[in-house]
Amino acid sequence: MTYLRYFLALGVVIAAYAFGYNHASTKGELEIEQLKLSYAESIINTQNQVKSDYEQKIKDLNVALISARNDGAERLRQLESFRNASRDLETCTRERDRLSELAVRGEGLLKRADAYIEALTK
């Protein structure tokens, strides 16, 4: 009868140990899965933020491109009206000198912009 009590007590201890181990193992796996889930959510949130920043940059570039096209179209209209205007020799000489100065300044600006872009891309 005493052996039966010892075996019964041993069985209860083994069952309690197995139940506790199983419970702790399940709880640990659940916490690991929650950590994985929070990590995945943080990655997704970061990717969504980068995506929205990228989309905003694209919108800004499209607006800048449209503005540049409008500026170009306005310049073409100005050049066309300049070509079609009637002038005397003195006006033509003065405008030629002014245009020459603008061309030299524009070339200098283009060279500086090219140098800046070259430095940024390296």
PDB file of N, CA and C in Angstrom:
ATOM      1  N   MET A   1       0.801  -1.178   0.000  1.00  0.00           N
ATOM      2  CA  MET A   1       0.000   0.000   0.000  1.00  0.00           C
ATOM      3  C   MET A   1       0.859   1.265   0.000  1.00  0.00           C
ATOM      4  N   THR A   2       1.992   1.195   0.687  1.00  0.00           N
ATOM      5  CA  THR A   2       2.878   2.347   0.723  1.00  0.00           C
ATOM      6  C   THR A   2       3.528   2.571  -0.645  1.00  0.00           C
ATOM      7  N   TYR A   3       3.817   1.406  -1.330  1.00  0.00           N
ATOM      8  CA  TYR A   3       4.377   1.563  -2.672  1.00  0.00           C
ATOM      9  C   TYR A   3       3.365   2.236  -3.601  1.00  0.00           C
ATOM     10  N   LEU A   4       2.139   1.903  -3.429  1.00  0.00           N
ATOM     11  CA  LEU A   4       1.087   2.493  -4.248  1.00  0.00           C
ATOM     12  C   LEU A   4       1.002   3.997  -3.986  1.00  0.00           C
ATOM     13  N   ARG A   5       1.148   4.399  -2.752  1.00  0.00           N
ATOM     14  CA  ARG A   5       1.125   5.829  -2.420  1.00  0.00           C
ATOM     15  C   ARG A   5       2.340   6.533  -3.036  1.00  0.00           C
ATOM     16  N   TYR A   6       3.501   5.878  -2.952  1.00  0.00           N
ATOM     17  CA  TYR A   6       4.689   6.493  -3.541  1.00  0.00           C
ATOM     18  C   TYR A   6       4.554   6.626  -5.054  1.00  0.00           C
ATOM     19  N   PHE A   7       4.050   5.559  -5.695  1.00  0.00           N
ATOM     20  CA  PHE A   7       3.841   5.619  -7.138  1.00  0.00           C
ATOM     21  C   PHE A   7       2.782   6.663  -7.486  1.00  0.00           C
ATOM     22  N   LEU A   8       1.746   6.736  -6.682  1.00  0.00           N
ATOM     23  CA  LEU A   8       0.696   7.717  -6.911  1.00  0.00           C
ATOM     24  C   LEU A   8       1.252   9.134  -6.724  1.00  0.00           C
ATOM     25  N   ALA A   9       2.045   9.345  -5.674  1.00  0.00           N
ATOM     26  CA  ALA A   9       2.663  10.655  -5.439  1.00  0.00           C
ATOM     27  C   ALA A   9       3.648  10.983  -6.561  1.00  0.00           C
ATOM     28  N   LEU A  10       4.440   9.972  -6.978  1.00  0.00           N
ATOM     29  CA  LEU A  10       5.378  10.167  -8.079  1.00  0.00           C
ATOM     30  C   LEU A  10       4.628  10.500  -9.366  1.00  0.00           C
ATOM     31  N   GLY A  11       3.508   9.842  -9.595  1.00  0.00           N
ATOM     32  CA  GLY A  11       2.688  10.120 -10.782  1.00  0.00           C
ATOM     33  C   GLY A  11       2.137  11.535 -10.747  1.00  0.00           C
ATOM     34  N   VAL A  12       1.694  11.976  -9.558  1.00  0.00           N
ATOM     35  CA  VAL A  12       1.176  13.340  -9.432  1.00  0.00           C
ATOM     36  C   VAL A  12       2.296  14.356  -9.689  1.00  0.00           C
ATOM     37  N   VAL A  13       3.494  14.095  -9.156  1.00  0.00           N
ATOM     38  CA  VAL A  13       4.631  14.997  -9.351  1.00  0.00           C
ATOM     39  C   VAL A  13       5.008  15.046 -10.823  1.00  0.00           C
ATOM     40  N   ILE A  14       5.065  13.871 -11.468  1.00  0.00           N
ATOM     41  CA  ILE A  14       5.418  13.832 -12.898  1.00  0.00           C
ATOM     42  C   ILE A  14       4.356  14.548 -13.728  1.00  0.00           C
ATOM     43  N   ALA A  15       3.081  14.331 -13.397  1.00  0.00           N
ATOM     44  CA  ALA A  15       1.998  14.996 -14.134  1.00  0.00           C
ATOM     45  C   ALA A  15       2.066  16.509 -13.931  1.00  0.00           C
ATOM     46  N   ALA A  16       2.325  16.950 -12.694  1.00  0.00           N
ATOM     47  CA  ALA A  16       2.427  18.386 -12.417  1.00  0.00           C
ATOM     48  C   ALA A  16       3.618  18.976 -13.169  1.00  0.00           C
ATOM     49  N   TYR A  17       4.746  18.259 -13.180  1.00  0.00           N
ATOM     50  CA  TYR A  17       5.928  18.726 -13.890  1.00  0.00           C
ATOM     51  C   TYR A  17       5.631  18.831 -15.396  1.00  0.00           C
ATOM     52  N   ALA A  18       5.011  17.799 -15.958  1.00  0.00           N
ATOM     53  CA  ALA A  18       4.695  17.787 -17.387  1.00  0.00           C
ATOM     54  C   ALA A  18       3.716  18.917 -17.729  1.00  0.00           C
ATOM     55  N   PHE A  19       2.719  19.098 -16.873  1.00  0.00           N
ATOM     56  CA  PHE A  19       1.754  20.172 -17.105  1.00  0.00           C
ATOM     57  C   PHE A  19       2.455  21.540 -17.034  1.00  0.00           C
ATOM     58  N   GLY A  20       3.288  21.748 -16.029  1.00  0.00           N
ATOM     59  CA  GLY A  20       4.009  23.011 -15.874  1.00  0.00           C
ATOM     60  C   GLY A  20       4.972  23.254 -17.030  1.00  0.00           C
ATOM     61  N   TYR A  21       5.691  22.204 -17.432  1.00  0.00           N
ATOM     62  CA  TYR A  21       6.630  22.337 -18.544  1.00  0.00           C
ATOM     63  C   TYR A  21       5.884  22.687 -19.826  1.00  0.00           C
ATOM     64  N   ASN A  22       4.792  21.993 -20.074  1.00  0.00           N
ATOM     65  CA  ASN A  22       3.993  22.246 -21.272  1.00  0.00           C
ATOM     66  C   ASN A  22       3.439  23.669 -21.249  1.00  0.00           C
ATOM     67  N   HIS A  23       2.965  24.103 -20.104  1.00  0.00           N
ATOM     68  CA  HIS A  23       2.411  25.452 -19.964  1.00  0.00           C
ATOM     69  C   HIS A  23       3.504  26.507 -20.202  1.00  0.00           C
ATOM     70  N   ALA A  24       4.669  26.334 -19.596  1.00  0.00           N
ATOM     71  CA  ALA A  24       5.772  27.277 -19.768  1.00  0.00           C
ATOM     72  C   ALA A  24       6.270  27.279 -21.212  1.00  0.00           C
ATOM     73  N   SER A  25       6.341  26.115 -21.823  1.00  0.00           N
ATOM     74  CA  SER A  25       6.788  26.015 -23.212  1.00  0.00           C
ATOM     75  C   SER A  25       5.812  26.748 -24.129  1.00  0.00           C
ATOM     76  N   THR A  26       4.530  26.536 -23.923  1.00  0.00           N
ATOM     77  CA  THR A  26       3.516  27.201 -24.743  1.00  0.00           C
ATOM     78  C   THR A  26       3.577  28.713 -24.543  1.00  0.00           C
ATOM     79  N   LYS A  27       3.715  29.134 -23.304  1.00  0.00           N
ATOM     80  CA  LYS A  27       3.788  30.565 -23.002  1.00  0.00           C
ATOM     81  C   LYS A  27       5.045  31.183 -23.631  1.00  0.00           C
ATOM     82  N   GLY A  28       6.171  30.495 -23.566  1.00  0.00           N
ATOM     83  CA  GLY A  28       7.412  30.987 -24.182  1.00  0.00           C
ATOM     84  C   GLY A  28       7.290  31.088 -25.686  1.00  0.00           C
ATOM     85  N   GLU A  29       6.699  30.068 -26.318  1.00  0.00           N
ATOM     86  CA  GLU A  29       6.512  30.102 -27.769  1.00  0.00           C
ATOM     87  C   GLU A  29       5.571  31.230 -28.165  1.00  0.00           C
ATOM     88  N   LEU A  30       4.545  31.472 -27.358  1.00  0.00           N
ATOM     89  CA  LEU A  30       3.616  32.563 -27.632  1.00  0.00           C
ATOM     90  C   LEU A  30       4.333  33.913 -27.564  1.00  0.00           C
ATOM     91  N   GLU A  31       5.179  34.106 -26.579  1.00  0.00           N
ATOM     92  CA  GLU A  31       5.921  35.358 -26.471  1.00  0.00           C
ATOM     93  C   GLU A  31       6.900  35.530 -27.626  1.00  0.00           C
ATOM     94  N   ILE A  32       7.533  34.438 -28.050  1.00  0.00           N
ATOM     95  CA  ILE A  32       8.444  34.502 -29.204  1.00  0.00           C
ATOM     96  C   ILE A  32       7.669  34.893 -30.457  1.00  0.00           C
ATOM     97  N   GLU A  33       6.496  34.297 -30.639  1.00  0.00           N
ATOM     98  CA  GLU A  33       5.676  34.624 -31.803  1.00  0.00           C
ATOM     99  C   GLU A  33       5.200  36.074 -31.740  1.00  0.00           C
ATOM    100  N   GLN A  34       4.895  36.576 -30.556  1.00  0.00           N
ATOM    101  CA  GLN A  34       4.484  37.975 -30.420  1.00  0.00           C
ATOM    102  C   GLN A  34       5.649  38.906 -30.760  1.00  0.00           C
ATOM    103  N   LEU A  35       6.870  38.532 -30.353  1.00  0.00           N
ATOM    104  CA  LEU A  35       8.040  39.328 -30.717  1.00  0.00           C
ATOM    105  C   LEU A  35       8.248  39.333 -32.227  1.00  0.00           C
ATOM    106  N   LYS A  36       8.083  38.161 -32.848  1.00  0.00           N
ATOM    107  CA  LYS A  36       8.215  38.085 -34.308  1.00  0.00           C
ATOM    108  C   LYS A  36       7.163  38.959 -34.983  1.00  0.00           C
ATOM    109  N   LEU A  37       5.943  38.922 -34.455  1.00  0.00           N
ATOM    110  CA  LEU A  37       4.856  39.711 -35.027  1.00  0.00           C
ATOM    111  C   LEU A  37       5.130  41.204 -34.884  1.00  0.00           C
ATOM    112  N   SER A  38       5.586  41.639 -33.723  1.00  0.00           N
ATOM    113  CA  SER A  38       5.872  43.068 -33.539  1.00  0.00           C
ATOM    114  C   SER A  38       7.035  43.504 -34.427  1.00  0.00           C
ATOM    115  N   TYR A  39       8.026  42.644 -34.596  1.00  0.00           N
ATOM    116  CA  TYR A  39       9.145  42.949 -35.483  1.00  0.00           C
ATOM    117  C   TYR A  39       8.660  43.075 -36.926  1.00  0.00           C
ATOM    118  N   ALA A  40       7.820  42.146 -37.349  1.00  0.00           N
ATOM    119  CA  ALA A  40       7.284  42.195 -38.717  1.00  0.00           C
ATOM    120  C   ALA A  40       6.426  43.445 -38.910  1.00  0.00           C
ATOM    121  N   GLU A  41       5.633  43.806 -37.903  1.00  0.00           N
ATOM    122  CA  GLU A  41       4.807  45.009 -38.006  1.00  0.00           C
ATOM    123  C   GLU A  41       5.670  46.261 -38.092  1.00  0.00           C
ATOM    124  N   SER A  42       6.773  46.295 -37.338  1.00  0.00           N
ATOM    125  CA  SER A  42       7.650  47.465 -37.409  1.00  0.00           C
ATOM    126  C   SER A  42       8.311  47.568 -38.785  1.00  0.00           C
ATOM    127  N   ILE A  43       8.671  46.431 -39.366  1.00  0.00           N
ATOM    128  CA  ILE A  43       9.246  46.435 -40.715  1.00  0.00           C
ATOM    129  C   ILE A  43       8.211  46.927 -41.728  1.00  0.00           C
ATOM    130  N   ILE A  44       6.989  46.449 -41.600  1.00  0.00           N
ATOM    131  CA  ILE A  44       5.924  46.865 -42.521  1.00  0.00           C
ATOM    132  C   ILE A  44       5.660  48.356 -42.378  1.00  0.00           C
ATOM    133  N   ASN A  45       5.609  48.851 -41.137  1.00  0.00           N
ATOM    134  CA  ASN A  45       5.382  50.277 -40.922  1.00  0.00           C
ATOM    135  C   ASN A  45       6.509  51.111 -41.518  1.00  0.00           C
ATOM    136  N   THR A  46       7.743  50.659 -41.353  1.00  0.00           N
ATOM    137  CA  THR A  46       8.879  51.368 -41.927  1.00  0.00           C
ATOM    138  C   THR A  46       8.804  51.368 -43.448  1.00  0.00           C
ATOM    139  N   GLN A  47       8.461  50.214 -44.026  1.00  0.00           N
ATOM    140  CA  GLN A  47       8.332  50.137 -45.480  1.00  0.00           C
ATOM    141  C   GLN A  47       7.224  51.050 -45.989  1.00  0.00           C
ATOM    142  N   ASN A  48       6.111  51.106 -45.266  1.00  0.00           N
ATOM    143  CA  ASN A  48       5.016  51.990 -45.671  1.00  0.00           C
ATOM    144  C   ASN A  48       5.436  53.453 -45.592  1.00  0.00           C
ATOM    145  N   GLN A  49       6.212  53.800 -44.564  1.00  0.00           N
ATOM    146  CA  GLN A  49       6.699  55.179 -44.436  1.00  0.00           C
ATOM    147  C   GLN A  49       7.639  55.526 -45.583  1.00  0.00           C
ATOM    148  N   VAL A  50       8.551  54.609 -45.913  1.00  0.00           N
ATOM    149  CA  VAL A  50       9.474  54.842 -47.029  1.00  0.00           C
ATOM    150  C   VAL A  50       8.692  54.951 -48.336  1.00  0.00           C
ATOM    151  N   LYS A  51       7.681  54.117 -48.487  1.00  0.00           N
ATOM    152  CA  LYS A  51       6.861  54.149 -49.701  1.00  0.00           C
ATOM    153  C   LYS A  51       6.128  55.483 -49.821  1.00  0.00           C
ATOM    154  N   SER A  52       5.560  55.970 -48.710  1.00  0.00           N
ATOM    155  CA  SER A  52       4.837  57.244 -48.769  1.00  0.00           C
ATOM    156  C   SER A  52       5.811  58.399 -49.030  1.00  0.00           C
ATOM    157  N   ASP A  53       7.017  58.341 -48.445  1.00  0.00           N
ATOM    158  CA  ASP A  53       8.025  59.364 -48.734  1.00  0.00           C
ATOM    159  C   ASP A  53       8.408  59.339 -50.208  1.00  0.00           C
ATOM    160  N   TYR A  54       8.573  58.140 -50.767  1.00  0.00           N
ATOM    161  CA  TYR A  54       8.910  57.986 -52.185  1.00  0.00           C
ATOM    162  C   TYR A  54       7.792  58.549 -53.064  1.00  0.00           C
ATOM    163  N   GLU A  55       6.548  58.219 -52.717  1.00  0.00           N
ATOM    164  CA  GLU A  55       5.425  58.719 -53.509  1.00  0.00           C
ATOM    165  C   GLU A  55       5.341  60.242 -53.439  1.00  0.00           C
ATOM    166  N   GLN A  56       5.642  60.819 -52.259  1.00  0.00           N
ATOM    167  CA  GLN A  56       5.637  62.273 -52.128  1.00  0.00           C
ATOM    168  C   GLN A  56       6.739  62.897 -52.979  1.00  0.00           C
ATOM    169  N   LYS A  57       7.908  62.264 -53.009  1.00  0.00           N
ATOM    170  CA  LYS A  57       8.994  62.770 -53.852  1.00  0.00           C
ATOM    171  C   LYS A  57       8.603  62.723 -55.322  1.00  0.00           C
ATOM    172  N   ILE A  58       7.934  61.645 -55.709  1.00  0.00           N
ATOM    173  CA  ILE A  58       7.479  61.521 -57.104  1.00  0.00           C
ATOM    174  C   ILE A  58       6.489  62.635 -57.428  1.00  0.00           C
ATOM    175  N   LYS A  59       5.547  62.898 -56.501  1.00  0.00           N
ATOM    176  CA  LYS A  59       4.581  63.985 -56.731  1.00  0.00           C
ATOM    177  C   LYS A  59       5.306  65.328 -56.849  1.00  0.00           C
ATOM    178  N   ASP A  60       6.268  65.563 -55.963  1.00  0.00           N
ATOM    179  CA  ASP A  60       7.011  66.818 -56.015  1.00  0.00           C
ATOM    180  C   ASP A  60       7.783  66.949 -57.325  1.00  0.00           C
ATOM    181  N   LEU A  61       8.390  65.852 -57.773  1.00  0.00           N
ATOM    182  CA  LEU A  61       9.118  65.884 -59.047  1.00  0.00           C
ATOM    183  C   LEU A  61       8.179  66.130 -60.220  1.00  0.00           C
ATOM    184  N   ASN A  62       6.978  65.536 -60.179  1.00  0.00           N
ATOM    185  CA  ASN A  62       6.007  65.772 -61.250  1.00  0.00           C
ATOM    186  C   ASN A  62       5.573  67.226 -61.283  1.00  0.00           C
ATOM    187  N   VAL A  63       5.365  67.813 -60.089  1.00  0.00           N
ATOM    188  CA  VAL A  63       4.993  69.228 -60.029  1.00  0.00           C
ATOM    189  C   VAL A  63       6.125  70.087 -60.586  1.00  0.00           C
ATOM    190  N   ALA A  64       7.370  69.764 -60.218  1.00  0.00           N
ATOM    191  CA  ALA A  64       8.516  70.517 -60.719  1.00  0.00           C
ATOM    192  C   ALA A  64       8.647  70.363 -62.236  1.00  0.00           C
ATOM    193  N   LEU A  65       8.380  69.151 -62.740  1.00  0.00           N
ATOM    194  CA  LEU A  65       8.455  68.916 -64.186  1.00  0.00           C
ATOM    195  C   LEU A  65       7.386  69.714 -64.925  1.00  0.00           C
ATOM    196  N   ILE A  66       6.182  69.728 -64.380  1.00  0.00           N
ATOM    197  CA  ILE A  66       5.108  70.510 -65.009  1.00  0.00           C
ATOM    198  C   ILE A  66       5.464  71.996 -64.995  1.00  0.00           C
ATOM    199  N   SER A  67       6.028  72.453 -63.885  1.00  0.00           N
ATOM    200  CA  SER A  67       6.436  73.853 -63.793  1.00  0.00           C
ATOM    201  C   SER A  67       7.522  74.164 -64.813  1.00  0.00           C
ATOM    202  N   ALA A  68       8.485  73.257 -64.966  1.00  0.00           N
ATOM    203  CA  ALA A  68       9.554  73.470 -65.950  1.00  0.00           C
ATOM    204  C   ALA A  68       8.985  73.482 -67.368  1.00  0.00           C
ATOM    205  N   ARG A  69       8.018  72.612 -67.633  1.00  0.00           N
ATOM    206  CA  ARG A  69       7.393  72.612 -68.973  1.00  0.00           C
ATOM    207  C   ARG A  69       6.660  73.921 -69.231  1.00  0.00           C
ATOM    208  N   ASN A  70       5.937  74.400 -68.198  1.00  0.00           N
ATOM    209  CA  ASN A  70       5.219  75.667 -68.357  1.00  0.00           C
ATOM    210  C   ASN A  70       6.194  76.823 -68.565  1.00  0.00           C
ATOM    211  N   ASP A  71       7.304  76.803 -67.812  1.00  0.00           N
ATOM    212  CA  ASP A  71       8.321  77.842 -68.002  1.00  0.00           C
ATOM    213  C   ASP A  71       8.903  77.778 -69.405  1.00  0.00           C
ATOM    214  N   GLY A  72       9.165  76.579 -69.893  1.00  0.00           N
ATOM    215  CA  GLY A  72       9.690  76.412 -71.249  1.00  0.00           C
ATOM    216  C   GLY A  72       8.708  76.911 -72.295  1.00  0.00           C
ATOM    217  N   ALA A  73       7.439  76.593 -72.113  1.00  0.00           N
ATOM    218  CA  ALA A  73       6.429  77.050 -73.062  1.00  0.00           C
ATOM    219  C   ALA A  73       6.318  78.573 -73.041  1.00  0.00           C
ATOM    220  N   GLU A  74       6.400  79.148 -71.838  1.00  0.00           N
ATOM    221  CA  GLU A  74       6.363  80.614 -71.729  1.00  0.00           C
ATOM    222  C   GLU A  74       7.571  81.243 -72.417  1.00  0.00           C
ATOM    223  N   ARG A  75       8.748  80.632 -72.235  1.00  0.00           N
ATOM    224  CA  ARG A  75       9.957  81.135 -72.906  1.00  0.00           C
ATOM    225  C   ARG A  75       9.795  81.066 -74.424  1.00  0.00           C
ATOM    226  N   LEU A  76       9.224  79.981 -74.927  1.00  0.00           N
ATOM    227  CA  LEU A  76       9.021  79.866 -76.376  1.00  0.00           C
ATOM    228  C   LEU A  76       8.070  80.943 -76.881  1.00  0.00           C
ATOM    229  N   ARG A  77       7.021  81.225 -76.116  1.00  0.00           N
ATOM    230  CA  ARG A  77       6.095  82.291 -76.521  1.00  0.00           C
ATOM    231  C   ARG A  77       6.818  83.651 -76.528  1.00  0.00           C
ATOM    232  N   GLN A  78       7.656  83.888 -75.508  1.00  0.00           N
ATOM    233  CA  GLN A  78       8.406  85.143 -75.456  1.00  0.00           C
ATOM    234  C   GLN A  78       9.373  85.252 -76.632  1.00  0.00           C
ATOM    235  N   LEU A  79      10.061  84.140 -76.946  1.00  0.00           N
ATOM    236  CA  LEU A  79      10.984  84.164 -78.087  1.00  0.00           C
ATOM    237  C   LEU A  79      10.247  84.406 -79.401  1.00  0.00           C
ATOM    238  N   GLU A  80       9.094  83.803 -79.528  1.00  0.00           N
ATOM    239  CA  GLU A  80       8.313  83.986 -80.749  1.00  0.00           C
ATOM    240  C   GLU A  80       7.871  85.440 -80.893  1.00  0.00           C
ATOM    241  N   SER A  81       7.417  86.046 -79.811  1.00  0.00           N
ATOM    242  CA  SER A  81       7.022  87.462 -79.887  1.00  0.00           C
ATOM    243  C   SER A  81       8.237  88.351 -80.115  1.00  0.00           C
ATOM    244  N   PHE A  82       9.390  87.965 -79.565  1.00  0.00           N
ATOM    245  CA  PHE A  82      10.629  88.717 -79.787  1.00  0.00           C
ATOM    246  C   PHE A  82      11.045  88.654 -81.249  1.00  0.00           C
ATOM    247  N   ARG A  83      10.922  87.477 -81.838  1.00  0.00           N
ATOM    248  CA  ARG A  83      11.283  87.305 -83.256  1.00  0.00           C
ATOM    249  C   ARG A  83      10.379  88.109 -84.176  1.00  0.00           C
ATOM    250  N   ASN A  84       9.119  88.150 -83.818  1.00  0.00           N
ATOM    251  CA  ASN A  84       8.148  88.794 -84.702  1.00  0.00           C
ATOM    252  C   ASN A  84       8.054  90.305 -84.501  1.00  0.00           C
ATOM    253  N   ALA A  85       8.736  90.846 -83.518  1.00  0.00           N
ATOM    254  CA  ALA A  85       8.684  92.290 -83.284  1.00  0.00           C
ATOM    255  C   ALA A  85       9.579  93.018 -84.291  1.00  0.00           C
ATOM    256  N   SER A  86       9.152  94.212 -84.679  1.00  0.00           N
ATOM    257  CA  SER A  86       9.970  94.990 -85.617  1.00  0.00           C
ATOM    258  C   SER A  86      10.897  95.908 -84.809  1.00  0.00           C
ATOM    259  N   ARG A  87      12.154  96.076 -85.327  1.00  0.00           N
ATOM    260  CA  ARG A  87      13.162  96.855 -84.604  1.00  0.00           C
ATOM    261  C   ARG A  87      14.004  97.676 -85.575  1.00  0.00           C
ATOM    262  N   ASP A  88      14.681  98.644 -84.983  1.00  0.00           N
ATOM    263  CA  ASP A  88      15.660  99.397 -85.764  1.00  0.00           C
ATOM    264  C   ASP A  88      17.049  98.850 -85.443  1.00  0.00           C
ATOM    265  N   LEU A  89      18.075  99.364 -86.105  1.00  0.00           N
ATOM    266  CA  LEU A  89      19.434  98.853 -85.959  1.00  0.00           C
ATOM    267  C   LEU A  89      19.963  99.039 -84.531  1.00  0.00           C
ATOM    268  N   GLU A  90      19.698 100.170 -83.927  1.00  0.00           N
ATOM    269  CA  GLU A  90      20.192 100.429 -82.573  1.00  0.00           C
ATOM    270  C   GLU A  90      19.580  99.448 -81.564  1.00  0.00           C
ATOM    271  N   THR A  91      18.301  99.181 -81.699  1.00  0.00           N
ATOM    272  CA  THR A  91      17.630  98.233 -80.810  1.00  0.00           C
ATOM    273  C   THR A  91      18.191  96.835 -81.007  1.00  0.00           C
ATOM    274  N   CYS A  92      18.430  96.460 -82.251  1.00  0.00           N
ATOM    275  CA  CYS A  92      18.991  95.133 -82.531  1.00  0.00           C
ATOM    276  C   CYS A  92      20.383  94.994 -81.929  1.00  0.00           C
ATOM    277  N   THR A  93      21.207  96.017 -82.039  1.00  0.00           N
ATOM    278  CA  THR A  93      22.554  95.968 -81.479  1.00  0.00           C
ATOM    279  C   THR A  93      22.499  95.853 -79.963  1.00  0.00           C
ATOM    280  N   ARG A  94      21.652  96.664 -79.335  1.00  0.00           N
ATOM    281  CA  ARG A  94      21.519  96.628 -77.883  1.00  0.00           C
ATOM    282  C   ARG A  94      21.017  95.252 -77.418  1.00  0.00           C
ATOM    283  N   GLU A  95      20.021  94.711 -78.096  1.00  0.00           N
ATOM    284  CA  GLU A  95      19.484  93.400 -77.722  1.00  0.00           C
ATOM    285  C   GLU A  95      20.502  92.296 -77.966  1.00  0.00           C
ATOM    286  N   ARG A  96      21.273  92.408 -79.056  1.00  0.00           N
ATOM    287  CA  ARG A  96      22.322  91.425 -79.323  1.00  0.00           C
ATOM    288  C   ARG A  96      23.366  91.432 -78.220  1.00  0.00           C
ATOM    289  N   ASP A  97      23.779  92.615 -77.778  1.00  0.00           N
ATOM    290  CA  ASP A  97      24.753  92.704 -76.691  1.00  0.00           C
ATOM    291  C   ASP A  97      24.191  92.099 -75.402  1.00  0.00           C
ATOM    292  N   ARG A  98      22.960  92.421 -75.126  1.00  0.00           N
ATOM    293  CA  ARG A  98      22.318  91.893 -73.905  1.00  0.00           C
ATOM    294  C   ARG A  98      22.177  90.375 -73.987  1.00  0.00           C
ATOM    295  N   LEU A  99      21.800  89.877 -75.115  1.00  0.00           N
ATOM    296  CA  LEU A  99      21.661  88.432 -75.294  1.00  0.00           C
ATOM    297  C   LEU A  99      23.014  87.737 -75.194  1.00  0.00           C
ATOM    298  N   SER A 100      24.060  88.376 -75.685  1.00  0.00           N
ATOM    299  CA  SER A 100      25.412  87.797 -75.576  1.00  0.00           C
ATOM    300  C   SER A 100      25.817  87.688 -74.110  1.00  0.00           C
ATOM    301  N   GLU A 101      25.544  88.750 -73.334  1.00  0.00           N
ATOM    302  CA  GLU A 101      25.846  88.711 -71.901  1.00  0.00           C
ATOM    303  C   GLU A 101      25.066  87.602 -71.195  1.00  0.00           C
ATOM    304  N   LEU A 102      23.797  87.498 -71.551  1.00  0.00           N
ATOM    305  CA  LEU A 102      22.969  86.446 -70.946  1.00  0.00           C
ATOM    306  C   LEU A 102      23.466  85.055 -71.318  1.00  0.00           C
ATOM    307  N   ALA A 103      23.929  84.903 -72.557  1.00  0.00           N
ATOM    308  CA  ALA A 103      24.438  83.597 -72.987  1.00  0.00           C
ATOM    309  C   ALA A 103      25.680  83.213 -72.199  1.00  0.00           C
ATOM    310  N   VAL A 104      26.573  84.171 -71.980  1.00  0.00           N
ATOM    311  CA  VAL A 104      27.797  83.893 -71.213  1.00  0.00           C
ATOM    312  C   VAL A 104      27.433  83.548 -69.769  1.00  0.00           C
ATOM    313  N   ARG A 105      26.531  84.327 -69.159  1.00  0.00           N
ATOM    314  CA  ARG A 105      26.112  84.032 -67.783  1.00  0.00           C
ATOM    315  C   ARG A 105      25.415  82.675 -67.694  1.00  0.00           C
ATOM    316  N   GLY A 106      24.588  82.374 -68.686  1.00  0.00           N
ATOM    317  CA  GLY A 106      23.897  81.083 -68.696  1.00  0.00           C
ATOM    318  C   GLY A 106      24.856  79.920 -68.814  1.00  0.00           C
ATOM    319  N   GLU A 107      25.872  80.083 -69.646  1.00  0.00           N
ATOM    320  CA  GLU A 107      26.875  79.017 -69.780  1.00  0.00           C
ATOM    321  C   GLU A 107      27.613  78.805 -68.464  1.00  0.00           C
ATOM    322  N   GLY A 108      27.952  79.903 -67.773  1.00  0.00           N
ATOM    323  CA  GLY A 108      28.613  79.784 -66.475  1.00  0.00           C
ATOM    324  C   GLY A 108      27.730  79.073 -65.455  1.00  0.00           C
ATOM    325  N   LEU A 109      26.451  79.422 -65.450  1.00  0.00           N
ATOM    326  CA  LEU A 109      25.520  78.754 -64.529  1.00  0.00           C
ATOM    327  C   LEU A 109      25.398  77.269 -64.836  1.00  0.00           C
ATOM    328  N   LEU A 110      25.339  76.936 -66.120  1.00  0.00           N
ATOM    329  CA  LEU A 110      25.248  75.528 -66.499  1.00  0.00           C
ATOM    330  C   LEU A 110      26.486  74.751 -66.076  1.00  0.00           C
ATOM    331  N   LYS A 111      27.652  75.360 -66.223  1.00  0.00           N
ATOM    332  CA  LYS A 111      28.889  74.684 -65.816  1.00  0.00           C
ATOM    333  C   LYS A 111      28.920  74.475 -64.310  1.00  0.00           C
ATOM    334  N   ARG A 112      28.495  75.493 -63.550  1.00  0.00           N
ATOM    335  CA  ARG A 112      28.458  75.335 -62.085  1.00  0.00           C
ATOM    336  C   ARG A 112      27.446  74.272 -61.676  1.00  0.00           C
ATOM    337  N   ALA A 113      26.269  74.278 -62.303  1.00  0.00           N
ATOM    338  CA  ALA A 113      25.255  73.271 -61.986  1.00  0.00           C
ATOM    339  C   ALA A 113      25.769  71.883 -62.321  1.00  0.00           C
ATOM    340  N   ASP A 114      26.450  71.762 -63.442  1.00  0.00           N
ATOM    341  CA  ASP A 114      27.020  70.469 -63.825  1.00  0.00           C
ATOM    342  C   ASP A 114      28.049  70.014 -62.797  1.00  0.00           C
ATOM    343  N   ALA A 115      28.870  70.937 -62.300  1.00  0.00           N
ATOM    344  CA  ALA A 115      29.875  70.588 -61.287  1.00  0.00           C
ATOM    345  C   ALA A 115      29.201  70.152 -59.987  1.00  0.00           C
ATOM    346  N   TYR A 116      28.130  70.856 -59.591  1.00  0.00           N
ATOM    347  CA  TYR A 116      27.397  70.472 -58.381  1.00  0.00           C
ATOM    348  C   TYR A 116      26.775  69.087 -58.520  1.00  0.00           C
ATOM    349  N   ILE A 117      26.168  68.839 -59.659  1.00  0.00           N
ATOM    350  CA  ILE A 117      25.544  67.528 -59.889  1.00  0.00           C
ATOM    351  C   ILE A 117      26.601  66.440 -59.904  1.00  0.00           C
ATOM    352  N   GLU A 118      27.726  66.723 -60.529  1.00  0.00           N
ATOM    353  CA  GLU A 118      28.830  65.757 -60.582  1.00  0.00           C
ATOM    354  C   GLU A 118      29.319  65.439 -59.170  1.00  0.00           C
ATOM    355  N   ALA A 119      29.431  66.477 -58.325  1.00  0.00           N
ATOM    356  CA  ALA A 119      29.894  66.267 -56.951  1.00  0.00           C
ATOM    357  C   ALA A 119      28.870  65.482 -56.130  1.00  0.00           C
ATOM    358  N   LEU A 120      27.592  65.702 -56.374  1.00  0.00           N
ATOM    359  CA  LEU A 120      26.553  65.006 -55.629  1.00  0.00           C
ATOM    360  C   LEU A 120      26.438  63.536 -56.009  1.00  0.00           C
ATOM    361  N   THR A 121      26.758  63.221 -57.245  1.00  0.00           N
ATOM    362  CA  THR A 121      26.599  61.837 -57.699  1.00  0.00           C
ATOM    363  C   THR A 121      27.790  60.970 -57.335  1.00  0.00           C
ATOM    364  N   LYS A 122      28.872  61.570 -56.879  1.00  0.00           N
ATOM    365  CA  LYS A 122      30.055  60.761 -56.507  1.00  0.00           C
ATOM    366  C   LYS A 122      29.987  60.343 -55.086  1.00  0.00           C
TER     367      LYS A 122
END
